[in-house]
C-alpha atoms as a PDB file:
ATOM      1  CA  UNK A   1     -24.294 -27.575 -40.895  1.00  0.00           C
ATOM      2  CA  UNK A   2     -26.769 -25.114 -42.402  1.00  0.00           C
ATOM      3  CA  UNK A   3     -26.515 -21.433 -41.487  1.00  0.00           C
ATOM      4  CA  UNK A   4     -29.993 -21.325 -39.964  1.00  0.00           C
ATOM      5  CA  UNK A   5     -29.263 -24.264 -37.683  1.00  0.00           C
ATOM      6  CA  UNK A   6     -25.917 -22.737 -36.684  1.00  0.00           C
ATOM      7  CA  UNK A   7     -27.534 -19.421 -35.735  1.00  0.00           C
ATOM      8  CA  UNK A   8     -30.318 -21.092 -33.781  1.00  0.00           C
ATOM      9  CA  UNK A   9     -27.796 -23.306 -31.970  1.00  0.00           C
ATOM     10  CA  UNK A  10     -25.858 -20.193 -30.908  1.00  0.00           C
ATOM     11  CA  UNK A  11     -29.012 -18.458 -29.689  1.00  0.00           C
ATOM     12  CA  UNK A  12     -30.156 -21.535 -27.780  1.00  0.00           C
ATOM     13  CA  UNK A  13     -26.735 -21.998 -26.139  1.00  0.00           C
ATOM     14  CA  UNK A  14     -26.802 -18.365 -24.954  1.00  0.00           C
ATOM     15  CA  UNK A  15     -30.326 -18.940 -23.666  1.00  0.00           C
ATOM     16  CA  UNK A  16     -29.056 -21.958 -21.723  1.00  0.00           C
ATOM     17  CA  UNK A  17     -26.478 -19.720 -20.036  1.00  0.00           C
ATOM     18  CA  UNK A  18     -29.165 -17.249 -18.966  1.00  0.00           C
ATOM     19  CA  UNK A  19     -31.672 -19.902 -17.859  1.00  0.00           C
ATOM     20  CA  UNK A  20     -29.053 -21.865 -15.884  1.00  0.00           C
ATOM     21  CA  UNK A  21     -27.955 -18.709 -14.090  1.00  0.00           C
ATOM     22  CA  UNK A  22     -31.506 -17.682 -13.217  1.00  0.00           C
ATOM     23  CA  UNK A  23     -32.462 -21.171 -12.009  1.00  0.00           C
ATOM     24  CA  UNK A  24     -29.355 -21.541  -9.845  1.00  0.00           C
ATOM     25  CA  UNK A  25     -29.846 -18.154  -8.211  1.00  0.00           C
ATOM     26  CA  UNK A  26     -33.576 -18.776  -7.735  1.00  0.00           C
ATOM     27  CA  UNK A  27     -32.949 -22.056  -5.928  1.00  0.00           C
ATOM     28  CA  UNK A  28     -30.223 -20.447  -3.837  1.00  0.00           C
ATOM     29  CA  UNK A  29     -32.595 -17.652  -2.823  1.00  0.00           C
ATOM     30  CA  UNK A  30     -35.198 -20.243  -1.784  1.00  0.00           C
ATOM     31  CA  UNK A  31     -32.620 -22.234   0.192  1.00  0.00           C
ATOM     32  CA  UNK A  32     -31.511 -19.146   2.105  1.00  0.00           C
ATOM     33  CA  UNK A  33     -35.104 -18.656   3.311  1.00  0.00           C
ATOM     34  CA  UNK A  34     -34.788 -21.833   5.382  1.00  0.00           C
ATOM     35  CA  UNK A  35     -31.888 -20.297   7.314  1.00  0.00           C
ATOM     36  CA  UNK A  36     -29.065 -21.993   5.400  1.00  0.00           C
ATOM     37  CA  UNK A  37     -25.926 -19.817   5.779  1.00  0.00           C
ATOM     38  CA  UNK A  38     -25.454 -17.460   2.844  1.00  0.00           C
ATOM     39  CA  UNK A  39     -21.954 -18.726   2.091  1.00  0.00           C
ATOM     40  CA  UNK A  40     -23.419 -22.217   1.649  1.00  0.00           C
ATOM     41  CA  UNK A  41     -26.062 -20.896  -0.741  1.00  0.00           C
ATOM     42  CA  UNK A  42     -23.289 -19.247  -2.767  1.00  0.00           C
ATOM     43  CA  UNK A  43     -21.610 -22.628  -3.108  1.00  0.00           C
ATOM     44  CA  UNK A  44     -24.908 -24.267  -4.039  1.00  0.00           C
ATOM     45  CA  UNK A  45     -25.626 -21.571  -6.648  1.00  0.00           C
ATOM     46  CA  UNK A  46     -22.219 -21.987  -8.284  1.00  0.00           C
ATOM     47  CA  UNK A  47     -22.485 -25.774  -8.470  1.00  0.00           C
ATOM     48  CA  UNK A  48     -26.076 -25.697  -9.736  1.00  0.00           C
ATOM     49  CA  UNK A  49     -25.117 -23.126 -12.381  1.00  0.00           C
ATOM     50  CA  UNK A  50     -22.629 -25.590 -13.876  1.00  0.00           C
ATOM     51  CA  UNK A  51     -24.925 -28.614 -13.486  1.00  0.00           C
ATOM     52  CA  UNK A  52     -27.953 -26.937 -15.075  1.00  0.00           C
ATOM     53  CA  UNK A  53     -25.906 -25.554 -17.951  1.00  0.00           C
ATOM     54  CA  UNK A  54     -24.179 -28.874 -18.613  1.00  0.00           C
ATOM     55  CA  UNK A  55     -27.367 -30.921 -18.806  1.00  0.00           C
ATOM     56  CA  UNK A  56     -29.283 -28.299 -20.785  1.00  0.00           C
ATOM     57  CA  UNK A  57     -26.421 -28.137 -23.290  1.00  0.00           C
ATOM     58  CA  UNK A  58     -26.345 -31.930 -23.370  1.00  0.00           C
ATOM     59  CA  UNK A  59     -30.050 -31.880 -24.193  1.00  0.00           C
ATOM     60  CA  UNK A  60     -29.403 -29.284 -26.906  1.00  0.00           C
ATOM     61  CA  UNK A  61     -26.693 -31.481 -28.427  1.00  0.00           C
ATOM     62  CA  UNK A  62     -28.744 -34.664 -28.373  1.00  0.00           C
ATOM     63  CA  UNK A  63     -32.161 -33.336 -29.405  1.00  0.00           C
ATOM     64  CA  UNK A  64     -31.401 -30.480 -31.780  1.00  0.00           C
ATOM     65  CA  UNK A  65     -27.782 -30.395 -32.951  1.00  0.00           C
ATOM     66  CA  UNK A  66     -27.691 -34.198 -33.068  1.00  0.00           C
ATOM     67  CA  UNK A  67     -24.217 -34.797 -31.717  1.00  0.00           C
ATOM     68  CA  UNK A  68     -22.279 -35.956 -28.706  1.00  0.00           C
ATOM     69  CA  UNK A  69     -20.948 -33.441 -26.167  1.00  0.00           C
ATOM     70  CA  UNK A  70     -17.398 -34.511 -26.983  1.00  0.00           C
ATOM     71  CA  UNK A  71     -17.992 -33.391 -30.580  1.00  0.00           C
ATOM     72  CA  UNK A  72     -18.459 -29.888 -29.216  1.00  0.00           C
ATOM     73  CA  UNK A  73     -15.280 -29.610 -27.134  1.00  0.00           C
ATOM     74  CA  UNK A  74     -17.009 -30.886 -23.964  1.00  0.00           C
ATOM     75  CA  UNK A  75     -15.497 -34.332 -23.378  1.00  0.00           C
ATOM     76  CA  UNK A  76     -15.006 -36.119 -20.049  1.00  0.00           C
ATOM     77  CA  UNK A  77     -13.219 -33.890 -17.555  1.00  0.00           C
ATOM     78  CA  UNK A  78      -9.453 -33.850 -18.051  1.00  0.00           C
ATOM     79  CA  UNK A  79      -6.960 -31.003 -17.828  1.00  0.00           C
ATOM     80  CA  UNK A  80      -3.321 -30.640 -18.799  1.00  0.00           C
ATOM     81  CA  UNK A  81      -0.795 -29.435 -16.219  1.00  0.00           C
ATOM     82  CA  UNK A  82       0.706 -26.823 -18.546  1.00  0.00           C
ATOM     83  CA  UNK A  83      -2.631 -25.024 -18.704  1.00  0.00           C
ATOM     84  CA  UNK A  84      -3.012 -25.231 -14.938  1.00  0.00           C
ATOM     85  CA  UNK A  85       0.357 -23.455 -14.734  1.00  0.00           C
ATOM     86  CA  UNK A  86      -0.821 -20.797 -17.192  1.00  0.00           C
ATOM     87  CA  UNK A  87      -4.084 -20.455 -15.250  1.00  0.00           C
ATOM     88  CA  UNK A  88      -2.222 -19.614 -12.054  1.00  0.00           C
ATOM     89  CA  UNK A  89       0.638 -17.566 -13.500  1.00  0.00           C
ATOM     90  CA  UNK A  90      -1.279 -15.260 -15.850  1.00  0.00           C
ATOM     91  CA  UNK A  91      -3.424 -13.441 -13.246  1.00  0.00           C
ATOM     92  CA  UNK A  92      -0.699 -13.568 -10.589  1.00  0.00           C
ATOM     93  CA  UNK A  93       1.937 -11.995 -12.841  1.00  0.00           C
ATOM     94  CA  UNK A  94      -0.447  -9.218 -13.873  1.00  0.00           C
ATOM     95  CA  UNK A  95      -1.413  -8.605 -10.236  1.00  0.00           C
ATOM     96  CA  UNK A  96       2.226  -8.479  -9.111  1.00  0.00           C
ATOM     97  CA  UNK A  97       3.099  -6.139 -12.002  1.00  0.00           C
ATOM     98  CA  UNK A  98       0.556  -3.577 -10.839  1.00  0.00           C
ATOM     99  CA  UNK A  99       1.571  -3.805  -7.196  1.00  0.00           C
ATOM    100  CA  UNK A 100       5.297  -3.482  -7.950  1.00  0.00           C
ATOM    101  CA  UNK A 101       5.378  -1.089 -10.878  1.00  0.00           C
ATOM    102  CA  UNK A 102       2.222   1.038 -10.836  1.00  0.00           C
ATOM    103  CA  UNK A 103       1.922   3.571  -7.987  1.00  0.00           C
ATOM    104  CA  UNK A 104      -1.103   3.099  -5.787  1.00  0.00           C
ATOM    105  CA  UNK A 105      -2.293   2.549  -2.243  1.00  0.00           C
ATOM    106  CA  UNK A 106      -3.777  -0.415  -0.402  1.00  0.00           C
ATOM    107  CA  UNK A 107      -7.099  -0.074   1.355  1.00  0.00           C
ATOM    108  CA  UNK A 108      -8.690  -2.769   3.508  1.00  0.00           C
ATOM    109  CA  UNK A 109     -12.407  -3.316   3.718  1.00  0.00           C
ATOM    110  CA  UNK A 110     -13.344  -3.925   7.362  1.00  0.00           C
ATOM    111  CA  UNK A 111     -15.534  -7.024   7.239  1.00  0.00           C
ATOM    112  CA  UNK A 112     -16.742  -9.516   9.808  1.00  0.00           C
ATOM    113  CA  UNK A 113     -16.069 -13.227   9.407  1.00  0.00           C
ATOM    114  CA  UNK A 114     -19.472 -13.929   7.842  1.00  0.00           C
ATOM    115  CA  UNK A 115     -19.015 -11.233   5.193  1.00  0.00           C
ATOM    116  CA  UNK A 116     -15.590 -12.599   4.310  1.00  0.00           C
ATOM    117  CA  UNK A 117     -17.031 -16.094   3.900  1.00  0.00           C
ATOM    118  CA  UNK A 118     -19.779 -14.682   1.681  1.00  0.00           C
ATOM    119  CA  UNK A 119     -17.265 -12.850  -0.506  1.00  0.00           C
ATOM    120  CA  UNK A 120     -14.940 -15.823  -0.863  1.00  0.00           C
ATOM    121  CA  UNK A 121     -17.676 -18.376  -1.499  1.00  0.00           C
ATOM    122  CA  UNK A 122     -19.317 -16.195  -4.165  1.00  0.00           C
ATOM    123  CA  UNK A 123     -15.964 -15.361  -5.767  1.00  0.00           C
ATOM    124  CA  UNK A 124     -14.709 -18.936  -5.866  1.00  0.00           C
ATOM    125  CA  UNK A 125     -17.862 -20.913  -6.604  1.00  0.00           C
ATOM    126  CA  UNK A 126     -20.102 -18.589  -8.634  1.00  0.00           C
ATOM    127  CA  UNK A 127     -17.858 -15.967 -10.258  1.00  0.00           C
ATOM    128  CA  UNK A 128     -14.959 -18.414 -10.554  1.00  0.00           C
ATOM    129  CA  UNK A 129     -16.142 -21.978 -11.104  1.00  0.00           C
ATOM    130  CA  UNK A 130     -19.695 -21.206 -12.201  1.00  0.00           C
ATOM    131  CA  UNK A 131     -19.177 -18.381 -14.668  1.00  0.00           C
ATOM    132  CA  UNK A 132     -15.793 -19.668 -15.834  1.00  0.00           C
ATOM    133  CA  UNK A 133     -16.989 -23.174 -16.730  1.00  0.00           C
ATOM    134  CA  UNK A 134     -20.419 -22.247 -18.103  1.00  0.00           C
ATOM    135  CA  UNK A 135     -19.091 -19.482 -20.354  1.00  0.00           C
ATOM    136  CA  UNK A 136     -16.499 -21.868 -21.754  1.00  0.00           C
ATOM    137  CA  UNK A 137     -19.083 -24.575 -22.433  1.00  0.00           C
ATOM    138  CA  UNK A 138     -21.201 -22.048 -24.334  1.00  0.00           C
ATOM    139  CA  UNK A 139     -18.625 -19.896 -26.151  1.00  0.00           C
ATOM    140  CA  UNK A 140     -15.723 -22.323 -26.659  1.00  0.00           C
ATOM    141  CA  UNK A 141     -17.892 -25.421 -26.706  1.00  0.00           C
ATOM    142  CA  UNK A 142     -21.195 -25.264 -28.572  1.00  0.00           C
ATOM    143  CA  UNK A 143     -20.770 -21.892 -30.247  1.00  0.00           C
ATOM    144  CA  UNK A 144     -17.236 -22.361 -31.522  1.00  0.00           C
ATOM    145  CA  UNK A 145     -17.861 -25.844 -32.885  1.00  0.00           C
ATOM    146  CA  UNK A 146     -21.135 -25.083 -34.704  1.00  0.00           C
ATOM    147  CA  UNK A 147     -19.448 -22.122 -36.408  1.00  0.00           C
ATOM    148  CA  UNK A 148     -16.475 -24.328 -37.309  1.00  0.00           C
ATOM    149  CA  UNK A 149     -18.795 -26.942 -38.801  1.00  0.00           C
ATOM    150  CA  UNK A 150     -20.450 -24.249 -40.943  1.00  0.00           C
ATOM    151  CA  UNK A 151     -17.348 -22.216 -41.865  1.00  0.00           C
ATOM    152  CA  UNK A 152     -13.763 -22.784 -40.635  1.00  0.00           C
ATOM    153  CA  UNK A 153     -11.546 -22.949 -37.543  1.00  0.00           C
ATOM    154  CA  UNK A 154     -10.345 -19.358 -37.989  1.00  0.00           C
ATOM    155  CA  UNK A 155     -13.854 -17.944 -38.180  1.00  0.00           C
ATOM    156  CA  UNK A 156     -14.870 -20.199 -35.270  1.00  0.00           C
ATOM    157  CA  UNK A 157     -12.118 -18.643 -33.154  1.00  0.00           C
ATOM    158  CA  UNK A 158     -12.826 -15.024 -34.116  1.00  0.00           C
ATOM    159  CA  UNK A 159     -16.641 -14.736 -34.161  1.00  0.00           C
ATOM    160  CA  UNK A 160     -17.404 -16.111 -30.648  1.00  0.00           C
ATOM    161  CA  UNK A 161     -14.508 -14.034 -29.304  1.00  0.00           C
ATOM    162  CA  UNK A 162     -15.921 -10.780 -30.700  1.00  0.00           C
ATOM    163  CA  UNK A 163     -19.338 -11.720 -29.301  1.00  0.00           C
ATOM    164  CA  UNK A 164     -17.705 -12.559 -25.954  1.00  0.00           C
ATOM    165  CA  UNK A 165     -16.195  -9.071 -25.862  1.00  0.00           C
ATOM    166  CA  UNK A 166     -19.476  -7.463 -26.884  1.00  0.00           C
ATOM    167  CA  UNK A 167     -21.593  -9.098 -24.156  1.00  0.00           C
ATOM    168  CA  UNK A 168     -19.312  -7.558 -21.521  1.00  0.00           C
ATOM    169  CA  UNK A 169     -20.407  -4.030 -22.473  1.00  0.00           C
ATOM    170  CA  UNK A 170     -24.148  -4.681 -22.706  1.00  0.00           C
ATOM    171  CA  UNK A 171     -25.996  -2.538 -20.197  1.00  0.00           C
ATOM    172  CA  UNK A 172     -22.810  -1.207 -18.592  1.00  0.00           C
ATOM    173  CA  UNK A 173     -23.239   2.447 -19.580  1.00  0.00           C
ATOM    174  CA  UNK A 174     -19.534   2.936 -20.261  1.00  0.00           C
ATOM    175  CA  UNK A 175     -18.185   5.847 -22.290  1.00  0.00           C
ATOM    176  CA  UNK A 176     -17.021   5.228 -25.861  1.00  0.00           C
ATOM    177  CA  UNK A 177     -13.323   4.738 -25.071  1.00  0.00           C
ATOM    178  CA  UNK A 178     -14.031   2.310 -22.218  1.00  0.00           C
ATOM    179  CA  UNK A 179     -16.401   0.363 -24.494  1.00  0.00           C
ATOM    180  CA  UNK A 180     -13.695   0.193 -27.160  1.00  0.00           C
ATOM    181  CA  UNK A 181     -11.136  -1.071 -24.639  1.00  0.00           C
ATOM    182  CA  UNK A 182     -13.538  -3.719 -23.319  1.00  0.00           C
ATOM    183  CA  UNK A 183     -14.389  -4.882 -26.837  1.00  0.00           C
ATOM    184  CA  UNK A 184     -10.715  -5.172 -27.791  1.00  0.00           C
ATOM    185  CA  UNK A 185      -9.657  -6.851 -24.546  1.00  0.00           C
ATOM    186  CA  UNK A 186     -12.738  -9.086 -24.455  1.00  0.00           C
ATOM    187  CA  UNK A 187     -12.097 -10.208 -28.011  1.00  0.00           C
ATOM    188  CA  UNK A 188      -8.435 -10.938 -27.249  1.00  0.00           C
ATOM    189  CA  UNK A 189      -9.195 -12.927 -24.115  1.00  0.00           C
ATOM    190  CA  UNK A 190     -11.878 -14.765 -26.088  1.00  0.00           C
ATOM    191  CA  UNK A 191      -9.311 -15.639 -28.760  1.00  0.00           C
ATOM    192  CA  UNK A 192      -6.962 -16.810 -26.006  1.00  0.00           C
ATOM    193  CA  UNK A 193      -9.583 -19.154 -24.556  1.00  0.00           C
ATOM    194  CA  UNK A 194     -10.595 -20.312 -28.045  1.00  0.00           C
ATOM    195  CA  UNK A 195      -7.039 -21.198 -29.043  1.00  0.00           C
ATOM    196  CA  UNK A 196      -6.557 -23.189 -25.835  1.00  0.00           C
ATOM    197  CA  UNK A 197      -9.832 -25.085 -26.372  1.00  0.00           C
ATOM    198  CA  UNK A 198      -9.073 -25.670 -30.057  1.00  0.00           C
ATOM    199  CA  UNK A 199      -5.522 -26.842 -29.391  1.00  0.00           C
ATOM    200  CA  UNK A 200      -6.664 -29.358 -26.782  1.00  0.00           C
ATOM    201  CA  UNK A 201     -10.111 -30.188 -28.247  1.00  0.00           C
ATOM    202  CA  UNK A 202     -11.542 -29.532 -24.807  1.00  0.00           C
ATOM    203  CA  UNK A 203     -13.107 -26.622 -22.969  1.00  0.00           C
ATOM    204  CA  UNK A 204     -11.738 -27.916 -19.675  1.00  0.00           C
ATOM    205  CA  UNK A 205      -8.277 -26.446 -20.264  1.00  0.00           C
ATOM    206  CA  UNK A 206      -9.632 -23.039 -21.270  1.00  0.00           C
ATOM    207  CA  UNK A 207     -12.075 -23.282 -18.360  1.00  0.00           C
ATOM    208  CA  UNK A 208      -9.311 -23.757 -15.796  1.00  0.00           C
ATOM    209  CA  UNK A 209      -7.605 -20.610 -17.118  1.00  0.00           C
ATOM    210  CA  UNK A 210     -10.924 -18.750 -17.052  1.00  0.00           C
ATOM    211  CA  UNK A 211     -11.755 -19.963 -13.527  1.00  0.00           C
ATOM    212  CA  UNK A 212      -8.442 -18.884 -11.990  1.00  0.00           C
ATOM    213  CA  UNK A 213      -8.596 -15.543 -13.773  1.00  0.00           C
ATOM    214  CA  UNK A 214     -12.046 -14.833 -12.356  1.00  0.00           C
ATOM    215  CA  UNK A 215     -11.110 -15.912  -8.836  1.00  0.00           C
ATOM    216  CA  UNK A 216      -7.871 -13.937  -8.633  1.00  0.00           C
ATOM    217  CA  UNK A 217      -8.781 -10.809 -10.592  1.00  0.00           C
ATOM    218  CA  UNK A 218     -12.496 -10.282  -9.822  1.00  0.00           C
ATOM    219  CA  UNK A 219     -13.233 -12.832  -7.092  1.00  0.00           C
ATOM    220  CA  UNK A 220     -13.425 -10.399  -4.197  1.00  0.00           C
ATOM    221  CA  UNK A 221     -10.027 -10.914  -2.576  1.00  0.00           C
ATOM    222  CA  UNK A 222      -8.027  -8.078  -4.141  1.00  0.00           C
ATOM    223  CA  UNK A 223      -9.429  -5.443  -6.458  1.00  0.00           C
ATOM    224  CA  UNK A 224      -7.056  -3.337  -8.543  1.00  0.00           C
ATOM    225  CA  UNK A 225      -8.558  -0.215 -10.061  1.00  0.00           C
ATOM    226  CA  UNK A 226      -8.909   3.544  -9.954  1.00  0.00           C
ATOM    227  CA  UNK A 227     -11.420   3.479  -7.102  1.00  0.00           C
ATOM    228  CA  UNK A 228     -11.894   1.653  -3.825  1.00  0.00           C
ATOM    229  CA  UNK A 229     -14.156  -1.393  -4.214  1.00  0.00           C
ATOM    230  CA  UNK A 230     -16.326  -2.143  -1.205  1.00  0.00           C
ATOM    231  CA  UNK A 231     -17.137  -5.579  -2.647  1.00  0.00           C
ATOM    232  CA  UNK A 232     -13.552  -6.795  -2.163  1.00  0.00           C
ATOM    233  CA  UNK A 233     -11.582  -7.516   0.988  1.00  0.00           C
ATOM    234  CA  UNK A 234      -8.662  -5.425  -0.257  1.00  0.00           C
ATOM    235  CA  UNK A 235      -8.344  -2.712  -2.881  1.00  0.00           C
ATOM    236  CA  UNK A 236      -5.210  -1.455  -4.569  1.00  0.00           C
ATOM    237  CA  UNK A 237      -6.251   2.001  -5.752  1.00  0.00           C
ATOM    238  CA  UNK A 238      -4.158   3.106  -8.705  1.00  0.00           C
ATOM    239  CA  UNK A 239      -2.744   6.622  -8.851  1.00  0.00           C
ATOM    240  CA  UNK A 240      -2.345   6.459 -12.636  1.00  0.00           C
ATOM    241  CA  UNK A 241      -4.764   8.417 -14.802  1.00  0.00           C
ATOM    242  CA  UNK A 242      -3.819   6.561 -17.986  1.00  0.00           C
ATOM    243  CA  UNK A 243      -6.929   4.786 -19.254  1.00  0.00           C
ATOM    244  CA  UNK A 244      -4.747   2.319 -21.126  1.00  0.00           C
ATOM    245  CA  UNK A 245      -2.985   1.332 -17.910  1.00  0.00           C
ATOM    246  CA  UNK A 246      -6.064   1.313 -15.680  1.00  0.00           C
ATOM    247  CA  UNK A 247      -8.412  -0.214 -18.272  1.00  0.00           C
ATOM    248  CA  UNK A 248     -10.951   2.579 -17.888  1.00  0.00           C
ATOM    249  CA  UNK A 249     -14.340   1.945 -16.326  1.00  0.00           C
ATOM    250  CA  UNK A 250     -14.131  -1.841 -16.700  1.00  0.00           C
ATOM    251  CA  UNK A 251     -10.863  -2.162 -14.772  1.00  0.00           C
ATOM    252  CA  UNK A 252      -7.509  -3.797 -15.416  1.00  0.00           C
ATOM    253  CA  UNK A 253      -9.025  -6.695 -17.368  1.00  0.00           C
ATOM    254  CA  UNK A 254      -9.247  -4.292 -20.318  1.00  0.00           C
ATOM    255  CA  UNK A 255      -5.845  -2.647 -19.734  1.00  0.00           C
ATOM    256  CA  UNK A 256      -2.865  -2.851 -22.069  1.00  0.00           C
ATOM    257  CA  UNK A 257      -1.078  -4.943 -19.431  1.00  0.00           C
ATOM    258  CA  UNK A 258      -3.815  -7.582 -19.475  1.00  0.00           C
ATOM    259  CA  UNK A 259      -4.026  -7.539 -23.272  1.00  0.00           C
ATOM    260  CA  UNK A 260      -0.284  -8.206 -23.503  1.00  0.00           C
ATOM    261  CA  UNK A 261      -0.826 -11.173 -21.171  1.00  0.00           C
ATOM    262  CA  UNK A 262      -3.638 -12.498 -23.381  1.00  0.00           C
ATOM    263  CA  UNK A 263      -1.471 -12.132 -26.487  1.00  0.00           C
ATOM    264  CA  UNK A 264       1.450 -14.002 -24.910  1.00  0.00           C
ATOM    265  CA  UNK A 265      -0.806 -16.927 -23.977  1.00  0.00           C
ATOM    266  CA  UNK A 266      -2.250 -16.842 -27.512  1.00  0.00           C
ATOM    267  CA  UNK A 267       1.291 -17.205 -28.859  1.00  0.00           C
ATOM    268  CA  UNK A 268       1.856 -20.218 -26.616  1.00  0.00           C
ATOM    269  CA  UNK A 269      -1.399 -21.865 -27.686  1.00  0.00           C
ATOM    270  CA  UNK A 270      -0.865 -20.992 -31.347  1.00  0.00           C
ATOM    271  CA  UNK A 271       2.621 -22.505 -31.294  1.00  0.00           C
ATOM    272  CA  UNK A 272       1.047 -25.803 -30.270  1.00  0.00           C
ATOM    273  CA  UNK A 273      -1.736 -25.659 -32.840  1.00  0.00           C
ATOM    274  CA  UNK A 274      -0.703 -25.728 -36.487  1.00  0.00           C
ATOM    275  CA  UNK A 275      -4.202 -25.896 -37.972  1.00  0.00           C
ATOM    276  CA  UNK A 276      -5.105 -22.264 -37.299  1.00  0.00           C
END
């Protein structure tokens, strides 16, 4: 694959992510005008996000890249039980570590039943399923494979992962140290997802890990950080002032604890994959 085509394919895949997100949220906002419950519109938005992204990426593959979706790590849906286990254990172990070993206090957000449904539906279907699956199709599907076709597997693992880390600091207004932590942690989690997708030749296994991470860590059930989060049902407010333990302004996803978790999963995936 020529460099120009690779670059344009990456740009177009990122554009698909943005367009699919905008379209899904636009339709959801129209649906809510006809008095459909907001938790239902959250579900609709999450499902449409995946559907729009999938078919737009399929169109990109067929009309421009000239390949089948399965050639770009997006085969028929199938997941391996070992990665389901990793998907559940990774965020749970990190959550339990903070609760047991890092001093802090629990605070409950007083919400009515409707607000709880809204939080859960958005966390599970949009932040979890929607963002988790679409980001994997783009970063560990199209992007990783076009780079691999132009260069090598190693470069295809590293470059999208650095970009994945970088997009998480765009427009956030973090200080320098927090930005550095997010870039490092984002790159490591990107490498983790990339190794899983590369080892299994499928984004579905990395997606299941991504989905569970999003639901458990940032899905609105329990927030762990240095401040109370009114967008979650429960908050565990950390007493620690160590930016490396708290993850700074981004939260525990960029903490040393999370990074260690990413590295351990990378070791597991790398042990299964001898080509990288």
